[in-house]
Amino acid sequence: MTLTERLQGTNLYLIGMMGAGKSSTGTALAQALGYQFFDTDAVLETAAGQTISEIFAEAGEDAFRQQETEVLAQLAAYRRLVIATGGGIVTQRRNWSYLHHGIVVWLEVPLGVLEQRLAGETGRPLLQRPDWRQTLADLVEQRQPLYAQADVRVPVGAEDSVEAIVAQILSLVDERLRTDAPSAQLN
């Protein structure tokens, strides 16, 4: 039985910090599984007709988080999806009720690698400040215990290719399903 068959349509949710590579990894992972791919930020931007930065600027973070939860709830209703989530999606307790309907995969990237990837980026509302490195470090520290609740933890290094990360995810998810065989019905 293939991994896709063992998954029985269960969604995979990619969590992790901004800059972790959730979108690029998610696209390749979906292709490997024969699943569809969605990025909650992209879906939210399309639905709102605004960028994430514009939503933050005009309505604030709380309004953004509420819209993000609505997008997650809508996507969670479907099967056979790989969903890249926003980095802060784990901070809202109600989101875990949706995430736990699937397999939660944490792309764990060291702070130094995140800093390299995010240097010079202007589209990250939470990092639009002179002390953005400290803000990023604080966010990592705050969110790490939440990310650690994932079903699967995937350490990601600076030199890891998307293909290598996808292979690691597939292997770890397969191992998790085999370990949880009696309760493999994750839906």
Protein backbone atom coordinates (compact mmCIF):
# COMPACT_ATOMS: atom_id res chain seq x y z
CA MET A 1 0.00 0.00 0.00
CA THR A 2 1.42 3.40 -0.97
CA LEU A 3 1.66 6.34 1.42
CA THR A 4 -1.08 8.13 -0.52
CA GLU A 5 -3.35 5.10 -0.03
CA ARG A 6 -2.50 4.90 3.68
CA LEU A 7 -3.30 8.59 4.08
CA GLN A 8 -6.87 7.88 2.92
CA GLY A 9 -7.32 11.48 1.81
CA THR A 10 -6.07 12.99 5.07
CA ASN A 11 -4.88 16.57 4.65
CA LEU A 12 -1.33 17.61 5.50
CA TYR A 13 -0.84 21.00 7.16
CA LEU A 14 2.58 22.64 6.98
CA ILE A 15 3.36 24.90 9.92
CA GLY A 16 6.46 26.88 10.81
CA MET A 17 7.89 30.35 10.84
CA MET A 18 7.67 32.78 7.96
CA GLY A 19 10.53 31.98 5.64
CA ALA A 20 10.49 28.27 6.54
CA GLY A 21 9.65 27.29 2.94
CA LYS A 22 6.11 26.07 3.56
CA SER A 23 4.78 27.26 0.19
CA SER A 24 7.58 25.91 -2.00
CA THR A 25 7.73 22.65 -0.04
CA GLY A 26 3.94 22.34 -0.02
CA THR A 27 3.69 22.65 -3.78
CA ALA A 28 6.22 19.85 -4.32
CA LEU A 29 4.71 17.71 -1.55
CA ALA A 30 1.24 17.97 -3.05
CA GLN A 31 2.59 16.95 -6.42
CA ALA A 32 4.37 13.93 -4.90
CA LEU A 33 1.15 12.78 -3.21
CA GLY A 34 -1.24 13.60 -6.05
CA TYR A 35 -2.93 16.13 -3.75
CA GLN A 36 -4.00 19.73 -4.37
CA PHE A 37 -1.99 22.54 -2.80
CA PHE A 38 -3.30 25.64 -1.05
CA ASP A 39 -1.51 28.42 0.79
CA THR A 40 -3.75 30.03 3.42
CA ASP A 41 -2.15 33.45 2.88
CA ALA A 42 -2.73 33.31 -0.89
CA VAL A 43 -6.34 32.14 -0.44
CA LEU A 44 -6.93 34.91 2.10
CA GLU A 45 -5.45 37.57 -0.20
CA THR A 46 -7.64 36.42 -3.08
CA ALA A 47 -10.78 36.35 -0.94
CA ALA A 48 -10.08 39.75 0.65
CA GLY A 49 -8.83 41.40 -2.53
CA GLN A 50 -5.94 42.78 -0.47
CA THR A 51 -2.41 41.77 0.42
CA ILE A 52 -1.61 40.51 3.90
CA SER A 53 0.29 43.77 4.51
CA GLU A 54 -2.77 45.81 3.51
CA ILE A 55 -5.04 43.78 5.79
CA PHE A 56 -2.63 44.28 8.70
CA ALA A 57 -2.36 48.02 7.98
CA GLU A 58 -6.08 48.65 7.53
CA ALA A 59 -7.75 46.18 9.88
CA GLY A 60 -4.99 45.05 12.24
CA GLU A 61 -3.58 41.68 13.23
CA ASP A 62 -6.70 40.53 15.10
CA ALA A 63 -8.87 40.96 12.01
CA PHE A 64 -6.25 39.19 9.91
CA ARG A 65 -6.15 36.25 12.36
CA GLN A 66 -9.95 35.96 12.24
CA GLN A 67 -9.92 35.88 8.42
CA GLU A 68 -7.06 33.37 8.52
CA THR A 69 -9.14 31.08 10.74
CA GLU A 70 -12.09 31.33 8.35
CA VAL A 71 -9.85 30.30 5.43
CA LEU A 72 -8.45 27.38 7.43
CA ALA A 73 -11.96 26.23 8.37
CA GLN A 74 -13.04 26.28 4.73
CA LEU A 75 -9.99 24.35 3.52
CA ALA A 76 -10.23 21.80 6.35
CA ALA A 77 -13.62 20.74 5.00
CA TYR A 78 -11.93 19.18 1.97
CA ARG A 79 -9.70 16.14 1.59
CA ARG A 80 -6.51 15.33 -0.27
CA LEU A 81 -4.95 18.76 0.32
CA VAL A 82 -1.53 19.97 1.33
CA ILE A 83 -2.03 23.30 3.07
CA ALA A 84 0.76 25.78 3.80
CA THR A 85 -0.33 27.89 6.74
CA GLY A 86 0.71 31.33 7.88
CA GLY A 87 3.45 31.33 10.51
CA GLY A 88 1.14 32.59 13.25
CA ILE A 89 -1.77 30.24 12.61
CA VAL A 90 -0.72 28.14 15.61
CA THR A 91 -1.22 31.09 17.98
CA GLN A 92 -5.00 30.83 17.77
CA ARG A 93 -6.25 27.92 19.87
CA ARG A 94 -9.35 27.37 17.70
CA ASN A 95 -7.14 26.72 14.66
CA TRP A 96 -5.81 23.54 16.26
CA SER A 97 -9.29 22.00 16.01
CA TYR A 98 -8.94 22.28 12.22
CA LEU A 99 -5.27 21.33 12.08
CA HIS A 100 -5.89 18.16 14.08
CA HIS A 101 -8.22 16.88 11.36
CA GLY A 102 -5.07 16.15 9.38
CA ILE A 103 -1.38 15.55 9.86
CA VAL A 104 0.50 18.61 11.09
CA VAL A 105 4.05 18.90 9.75
CA TRP A 106 6.44 21.42 11.35
CA LEU A 107 9.19 22.74 9.12
CA GLU A 108 11.72 23.65 11.81
CA VAL A 109 14.29 26.11 10.48
CA PRO A 110 17.08 27.57 12.65
CA LEU A 111 16.81 31.29 13.46
CA GLY A 112 20.00 32.15 11.54
CA VAL A 113 18.64 30.56 8.37
CA LEU A 114 15.34 32.42 8.77
CA GLU A 115 17.24 35.70 9.17
CA GLN A 116 19.15 35.04 5.95
CA ARG A 117 15.98 34.17 4.05
CA LEU A 118 13.98 37.13 5.35
CA ALA A 119 16.66 39.86 5.12
CA GLY A 120 15.44 42.58 2.79
CA GLU A 121 11.90 41.22 2.48
CA THR A 122 9.27 43.92 2.66
CA GLY A 123 6.06 41.89 2.56
CA ARG A 124 6.14 40.63 6.16
CA PRO A 125 4.02 42.96 8.32
CA LEU A 126 5.38 41.71 11.65
CA LEU A 127 8.95 42.45 10.52
CA GLN A 128 8.38 46.03 9.32
CA ARG A 129 10.55 47.59 12.03
CA PRO A 130 14.21 48.46 12.52
CA ASP A 131 14.70 45.71 15.12
CA TRP A 132 13.18 43.04 12.88
CA ARG A 133 15.83 40.46 13.82
CA GLN A 134 14.90 40.74 17.51
CA THR A 135 11.19 40.59 16.60
CA LEU A 136 11.85 37.44 14.58
CA ALA A 137 13.80 35.88 17.46
CA ASP A 138 10.96 36.73 19.87
CA LEU A 139 8.36 35.21 17.54
CA VAL A 140 10.42 32.02 17.17
CA GLU A 141 10.71 31.75 20.96
CA GLN A 142 6.97 32.35 21.48
CA ARG A 143 5.82 29.98 18.76
CA GLN A 144 8.27 27.10 19.16
CA PRO A 145 6.25 25.37 21.93
CA LEU A 146 3.16 25.61 19.72
CA TYR A 147 4.95 24.27 16.65
CA ALA A 148 6.25 21.41 18.80
CA GLN A 149 2.68 20.10 19.04
CA ALA A 150 2.91 18.99 15.40
CA ASP A 151 2.54 15.34 14.48
CA VAL A 152 5.78 15.40 12.50
CA ARG A 153 8.88 17.58 13.02
CA VAL A 154 11.13 18.14 10.00
CA PRO A 155 14.46 19.87 10.70
CA VAL A 156 15.37 22.05 7.71
CA GLY A 157 18.92 23.25 7.07
CA ALA A 158 20.14 26.12 4.93
CA GLU A 159 21.41 23.79 2.20
CA ASP A 160 18.41 21.42 2.09
CA SER A 161 16.67 21.32 -1.29
CA VAL A 162 12.89 21.26 -1.58
CA GLU A 163 13.19 17.73 -2.96
CA ALA A 164 15.19 16.59 0.08
CA ILE A 165 12.70 18.20 2.47
CA VAL A 166 9.75 16.57 0.66
CA ALA A 167 11.49 13.17 0.80
CA GLN A 168 12.04 13.65 4.53
CA ILE A 169 8.39 14.63 5.07
CA LEU A 170 7.14 11.61 3.12
CA SER A 171 9.39 9.30 5.13
CA LEU A 172 8.41 10.78 8.51
CA VAL A 173 4.68 10.83 7.70
CA ASP A 174 4.91 7.22 6.53
CA GLU A 175 6.70 6.28 9.75
CA ARG A 176 4.08 8.14 11.80
CA LEU A 177 1.22 6.33 10.06
CA ARG A 178 2.90 2.96 10.62
CA THR A 179 3.50 3.79 14.30
CA ASP A 180 -0.09 4.89 14.73
CA ALA A 181 -1.46 1.97 12.68
CA PRO A 182 -4.36 1.13 15.03
CA SER A 183 -5.46 4.77 14.95
CA ALA A 184 -4.46 5.46 11.36
CA GLN A 185 -7.92 6.86 10.72
CA LEU A 186 -6.81 10.45 11.24
CA ASN A 187 -9.94 12.07 9.87
